[in-house]
């Protein structure tokens, strides 16, 4: 198991603290398991999921 915090720190160092990134797990028929690699997709400023882990303040 890997540490979520390590990946968060890597994301912050590469693309910034205020960016949103997602990790995608493909369907098994599209897996290319040739290296121990991870991919994060980063959203451009102003784009990203419309959900949040922190509820909005009222």
PDB file of N, CA and C in Angstrom:
ATOM      1  N   UNK A   1       0.839  -1.179   0.000  1.00  0.00           N
ATOM      2  CA  UNK A   1       0.000   0.000   0.000  1.00  0.00           C
ATOM      3  C   UNK A   1       0.885   1.244   0.000  1.00  0.00           C
ATOM      4  N   UNK A   2       0.497   2.240  -0.735  1.00  0.00           N
ATOM      5  CA  UNK A   2       1.270   3.470  -0.779  1.00  0.00           C
ATOM      6  C   UNK A   2       0.575   4.551   0.039  1.00  0.00           C
ATOM      7  N   UNK A   3       1.306   5.556   0.354  1.00  0.00           N
ATOM      8  CA  UNK A   3       0.787   6.624   1.193  1.00  0.00           C
ATOM      9  C   UNK A   3       0.113   7.705   0.345  1.00  0.00           C
ATOM     10  N   UNK A   4      -1.115   8.025   0.689  1.00  0.00           N
ATOM     11  CA  UNK A   4      -1.822   9.102   0.014  1.00  0.00           C
ATOM     12  C   UNK A   4      -1.059  10.416   0.167  1.00  0.00           C
ATOM     13  N   UNK A   5      -0.514  10.668   1.334  1.00  0.00           N
ATOM     14  CA  UNK A   5       0.197  11.920   1.601  1.00  0.00           C
ATOM     15  C   UNK A   5       1.377  12.083   0.662  1.00  0.00           C
ATOM     16  N   UNK A   6       2.091  10.994   0.362  1.00  0.00           N
ATOM     17  CA  UNK A   6       3.237  11.070  -0.556  1.00  0.00           C
ATOM     18  C   UNK A   6       2.766  11.527  -1.934  1.00  0.00           C
ATOM     19  N   UNK A   7       1.679  10.948  -2.429  1.00  0.00           N
ATOM     20  CA  UNK A   7       1.172  11.358  -3.743  1.00  0.00           C
ATOM     21  C   UNK A   7       0.671  12.800  -3.723  1.00  0.00           C
ATOM     22  N   UNK A   8       0.025  13.217  -2.635  1.00  0.00           N
ATOM     23  CA  UNK A   8      -0.428  14.610  -2.514  1.00  0.00           C
ATOM     24  C   UNK A   8       0.771  15.558  -2.553  1.00  0.00           C
ATOM     25  N   UNK A   9       1.838  15.207  -1.853  1.00  0.00           N
ATOM     26  CA  UNK A   9       3.048  16.047  -1.844  1.00  0.00           C
ATOM     27  C   UNK A   9       3.690  16.117  -3.228  1.00  0.00           C
ATOM     28  N   UNK A  10       3.700  15.004  -3.951  1.00  0.00           N
ATOM     29  CA  UNK A  10       4.247  14.991  -5.310  1.00  0.00           C
ATOM     30  C   UNK A  10       3.406  15.887  -6.210  1.00  0.00           C
ATOM     31  N   UNK A  11       2.078  15.752  -6.128  1.00  0.00           N
ATOM     32  CA  UNK A  11       1.181  16.603  -6.921  1.00  0.00           C
ATOM     33  C   UNK A  11       1.426  18.070  -6.611  1.00  0.00           C
ATOM     34  N   UNK A  12       1.517  18.404  -5.334  1.00  0.00           N
ATOM     35  CA  UNK A  12       1.746  19.796  -4.938  1.00  0.00           C
ATOM     36  C   UNK A  12       3.061  20.325  -5.480  1.00  0.00           C
ATOM     37  N   UNK A  13       4.107  19.518  -5.431  1.00  0.00           N
ATOM     38  CA  UNK A  13       5.430  19.952  -5.887  1.00  0.00           C
ATOM     39  C   UNK A  13       5.473  20.150  -7.400  1.00  0.00           C
ATOM     40  N   UNK A  14       4.738  19.335  -8.143  1.00  0.00           N
ATOM     41  CA  UNK A  14       4.824  19.390  -9.605  1.00  0.00           C
ATOM     42  C   UNK A  14       3.867  20.415 -10.196  1.00  0.00           C
ATOM     43  N   UNK A  15       2.612  20.421  -9.738  1.00  0.00           N
ATOM     44  CA  UNK A  15       1.616  21.285 -10.378  1.00  0.00           C
ATOM     45  C   UNK A  15       0.980  22.306  -9.444  1.00  0.00           C
ATOM     46  N   UNK A  16       1.344  22.296  -8.169  1.00  0.00           N
ATOM     47  CA  UNK A  16       0.849  23.317  -7.252  1.00  0.00           C
ATOM     48  C   UNK A  16      -0.189  22.816  -6.269  1.00  0.00           C
ATOM     49  N   UNK A  17      -0.259  23.519  -5.154  1.00  0.00           N
ATOM     50  CA  UNK A  17      -1.154  23.139  -4.056  1.00  0.00           C
ATOM     51  C   UNK A  17      -2.624  23.368  -4.374  1.00  0.00           C
ATOM     52  N   UNK A  18      -2.919  24.337  -5.245  1.00  0.00           N
ATOM     53  CA  UNK A  18      -4.309  24.698  -5.517  1.00  0.00           C
ATOM     54  C   UNK A  18      -4.831  24.110  -6.817  1.00  0.00           C
ATOM     55  N   UNK A  19      -4.307  22.962  -7.203  1.00  0.00           N
ATOM     56  CA  UNK A  19      -4.794  22.275  -8.393  1.00  0.00           C
ATOM     57  C   UNK A  19      -5.542  21.020  -7.975  1.00  0.00           C
ATOM     58  N   UNK A  20      -6.428  20.572  -8.842  1.00  0.00           N
ATOM     59  CA  UNK A  20      -7.161  19.325  -8.630  1.00  0.00           C
ATOM     60  C   UNK A  20      -6.587  18.296  -9.587  1.00  0.00           C
ATOM     61  N   UNK A  21      -6.326  17.097  -9.090  1.00  0.00           N
ATOM     62  CA  UNK A  21      -5.846  16.005  -9.931  1.00  0.00           C
ATOM     63  C   UNK A  21      -6.624  14.748  -9.590  1.00  0.00           C
ATOM     64  N   UNK A  22      -6.749  13.858 -10.540  1.00  0.00           N
ATOM     65  CA  UNK A  22      -7.422  12.582 -10.320  1.00  0.00           C
ATOM     66  C   UNK A  22      -6.518  11.456 -10.793  1.00  0.00           C
ATOM     67  N   UNK A  23      -6.705  10.306 -10.189  1.00  0.00           N
ATOM     68  CA  UNK A  23      -6.008   9.088 -10.608  1.00  0.00           C
ATOM     69  C   UNK A  23      -7.078   8.157 -11.158  1.00  0.00           C
ATOM     70  N   UNK A  24      -6.803   7.552 -12.301  1.00  0.00           N
ATOM     71  CA  UNK A  24      -7.797   6.713 -12.965  1.00  0.00           C
ATOM     72  C   UNK A  24      -7.321   5.261 -12.986  1.00  0.00           C
ATOM     73  N   UNK A  25      -8.250   4.382 -12.688  1.00  0.00           N
ATOM     74  CA  UNK A  25      -7.992   2.946 -12.760  1.00  0.00           C
ATOM     75  C   UNK A  25      -8.779   2.389 -13.941  1.00  0.00           C
ATOM     76  N   UNK A  26      -8.075   1.916 -14.989  1.00  0.00           N
ATOM     77  CA  UNK A  26      -8.774   1.476 -16.204  1.00  0.00           C
ATOM     78  C   UNK A  26      -9.487   0.137 -15.999  1.00  0.00           C
ATOM     79  N   UNK A  27     -10.390  -0.149 -16.928  1.00  0.00           N
ATOM     80  CA  UNK A  27     -10.999  -1.475 -16.901  1.00  0.00           C
ATOM     81  C   UNK A  27      -9.901  -2.505 -17.193  1.00  0.00           C
ATOM     82  N   UNK A  28     -10.068  -3.671 -16.664  1.00  0.00           N
ATOM     83  CA  UNK A  28      -9.023  -4.697 -16.713  1.00  0.00           C
ATOM     84  C   UNK A  28      -8.572  -5.009 -18.135  1.00  0.00           C
ATOM     85  N   UNK A  29      -9.487  -4.935 -19.098  1.00  0.00           N
ATOM     86  CA  UNK A  29      -9.128  -5.240 -20.492  1.00  0.00           C
ATOM     87  C   UNK A  29      -8.196  -4.188 -21.098  1.00  0.00           C
ATOM     88  N   UNK A  30      -8.043  -3.034 -20.449  1.00  0.00           N
ATOM     89  CA  UNK A  30      -7.168  -1.979 -20.963  1.00  0.00           C
ATOM     90  C   UNK A  30      -5.911  -1.766 -20.125  1.00  0.00           C
ATOM     91  N   UNK A  31      -5.687  -2.624 -19.143  1.00  0.00           N
ATOM     92  CA  UNK A  31      -4.501  -2.508 -18.294  1.00  0.00           C
ATOM     93  C   UNK A  31      -3.264  -2.881 -19.092  1.00  0.00           C
ATOM     94  N   UNK A  32      -2.234  -2.063 -18.992  1.00  0.00           N
ATOM     95  CA  UNK A  32      -0.926  -2.382 -19.573  1.00  0.00           C
ATOM     96  C   UNK A  32       0.066  -2.384 -18.418  1.00  0.00           C
ATOM     97  N   UNK A  33       0.198  -3.515 -17.792  1.00  0.00           N
ATOM     98  CA  UNK A  33       0.985  -3.650 -16.569  1.00  0.00           C
ATOM     99  C   UNK A  33       2.442  -3.963 -16.900  1.00  0.00           C
ATOM    100  N   UNK A  34       3.133  -2.961 -17.466  1.00  0.00           N
ATOM    101  CA  UNK A  34       4.515  -3.185 -17.880  1.00  0.00           C
ATOM    102  C   UNK A  34       5.532  -2.457 -16.998  1.00  0.00           C
ATOM    103  N   UNK A  35       5.039  -1.583 -16.100  1.00  0.00           N
ATOM    104  CA  UNK A  35       5.936  -0.848 -15.216  1.00  0.00           C
ATOM    105  C   UNK A  35       5.157  -0.417 -13.978  1.00  0.00           C
ATOM    106  N   UNK A  36       5.847  -0.201 -12.899  1.00  0.00           N
ATOM    107  CA  UNK A  36       5.219   0.260 -11.675  1.00  0.00           C
ATOM    108  C   UNK A  36       5.110   1.783 -11.732  1.00  0.00           C
ATOM    109  N   UNK A  37       4.082   2.278 -12.475  1.00  0.00           N
ATOM    110  CA  UNK A  37       3.921   3.716 -12.706  1.00  0.00           C
ATOM    111  C   UNK A  37       2.522   4.144 -12.292  1.00  0.00           C
ATOM    112  N   UNK A  38       2.408   5.422 -11.931  1.00  0.00           N
ATOM    113  CA  UNK A  38       1.126   6.016 -11.588  1.00  0.00           C
ATOM    114  C   UNK A  38       0.940   7.250 -12.444  1.00  0.00           C
ATOM    115  N   UNK A  39      -0.308   7.560 -12.760  1.00  0.00           N
ATOM    116  CA  UNK A  39      -0.605   8.731 -13.575  1.00  0.00           C
ATOM    117  C   UNK A  39      -1.640   9.584 -12.857  1.00  0.00           C
ATOM    118  N   UNK A  40      -1.397  10.876 -12.797  1.00  0.00           N
ATOM    119  CA  UNK A  40      -2.364  11.825 -12.274  1.00  0.00           C
ATOM    120  C   UNK A  40      -2.766  12.749 -13.413  1.00  0.00           C
ATOM    121  N   UNK A  41      -4.057  12.960 -13.575  1.00  0.00           N
ATOM    122  CA  UNK A  41      -4.553  13.904 -14.559  1.00  0.00           C
ATOM    123  C   UNK A  41      -4.894  15.181 -13.818  1.00  0.00           C
ATOM    124  N   UNK A  42      -4.333  16.286 -14.285  1.00  0.00           N
ATOM    125  CA  UNK A  42      -4.500  17.571 -13.611  1.00  0.00           C
ATOM    126  C   UNK A  42      -5.456  18.440 -14.426  1.00  0.00           C
ATOM    127  N   UNK A  43      -6.393  19.073 -13.722  1.00  0.00           N
ATOM    128  CA  UNK A  43      -7.359  19.954 -14.374  1.00  0.00           C
ATOM    129  C   UNK A  43      -6.776  21.357 -14.520  1.00  0.00           C
ATOM    130  N   UNK A  44      -7.087  22.003 -15.635  1.00  0.00           N
ATOM    131  CA  UNK A  44      -6.680  23.392 -15.850  1.00  0.00           C
ATOM    132  C   UNK A  44      -7.433  24.291 -14.867  1.00  0.00           C
ATOM    133  N   UNK A  45      -6.876  25.457 -14.607  1.00  0.00           N
ATOM    134  CA  UNK A  45      -7.524  26.408 -13.700  1.00  0.00           C
ATOM    135  C   UNK A  45      -8.968  26.654 -14.131  1.00  0.00           C
ATOM    136  N   UNK A  46      -9.876  26.604 -13.171  1.00  0.00           N
ATOM    137  CA  UNK A  46     -11.284  26.845 -13.460  1.00  0.00           C
ATOM    138  C   UNK A  46     -12.059  25.614 -13.869  1.00  0.00           C
ATOM    139  N   UNK A  47     -11.380  24.489 -14.031  1.00  0.00           N
ATOM    140  CA  UNK A  47     -12.034  23.244 -14.418  1.00  0.00           C
ATOM    141  C   UNK A  47     -11.818  22.206 -13.327  1.00  0.00           C
ATOM    142  N   UNK A  48     -12.661  21.207 -13.305  1.00  0.00           N
ATOM    143  CA  UNK A  48     -12.512  20.130 -12.345  1.00  0.00           C
ATOM    144  C   UNK A  48     -13.853  19.598 -11.905  1.00  0.00           C
ATOM    145  N   UNK A  49     -13.823  18.615 -11.045  1.00  0.00           N
ATOM    146  CA  UNK A  49     -15.072  18.025 -10.566  1.00  0.00           C
ATOM    147  C   UNK A  49     -15.913  19.060  -9.829  1.00  0.00           C
ATOM    148  N   UNK A  50     -17.210  18.872  -9.868  1.00  0.00           N
ATOM    149  CA  UNK A  50     -18.108  19.780  -9.169  1.00  0.00           C
ATOM    150  C   UNK A  50     -18.407  19.292  -7.758  1.00  0.00           C
ATOM    151  N   UNK A  51     -17.686  18.286  -7.313  1.00  0.00           N
ATOM    152  CA  UNK A  51     -17.848  17.783  -5.952  1.00  0.00           C
ATOM    153  C   UNK A  51     -16.645  18.207  -5.126  1.00  0.00           C
ATOM    154  N   UNK A  52     -16.832  18.246  -3.816  1.00  0.00           N
ATOM    155  CA  UNK A  52     -15.755  18.628  -2.917  1.00  0.00           C
ATOM    156  C   UNK A  52     -15.823  17.764  -1.671  1.00  0.00           C
ATOM    157  N   UNK A  53     -14.699  17.587  -1.023  1.00  0.00           N
ATOM    158  CA  UNK A  53     -14.671  16.829   0.228  1.00  0.00           C
ATOM    159  C   UNK A  53     -15.071  17.687   1.416  1.00  0.00           C
ATOM    160  N   UNK A  54     -15.079  19.005   1.213  1.00  0.00           N
ATOM    161  CA  UNK A  54     -15.438  19.930   2.289  1.00  0.00           C
ATOM    162  C   UNK A  54     -16.755  20.601   1.911  1.00  0.00           C
ATOM    163  N   UNK A  55     -17.787  20.486   2.729  1.00  0.00           N
ATOM    164  CA  UNK A  55     -19.061  21.118   2.391  1.00  0.00           C
ATOM    165  C   UNK A  55     -18.934  22.637   2.349  1.00  0.00           C
ATOM    166  N   UNK A  56     -19.706  23.286   1.490  1.00  0.00           N
ATOM    167  CA  UNK A  56     -19.634  24.754   1.424  1.00  0.00           C
ATOM    168  C   UNK A  56     -20.199  25.369   2.700  1.00  0.00           C
ATOM    169  N   UNK A  57     -19.658  26.534   3.039  1.00  0.00           N
ATOM    170  CA  UNK A  57     -20.174  27.241   4.205  1.00  0.00           C
ATOM    171  C   UNK A  57     -21.503  27.900   3.843  1.00  0.00           C
ATOM    172  N   UNK A  58     -22.377  27.988   4.830  1.00  0.00           N
ATOM    173  CA  UNK A  58     -23.701  28.592   4.574  1.00  0.00           C
ATOM    174  C   UNK A  58     -23.669  30.071   4.815  1.00  0.00           C
TER     175      UNK A  58
END
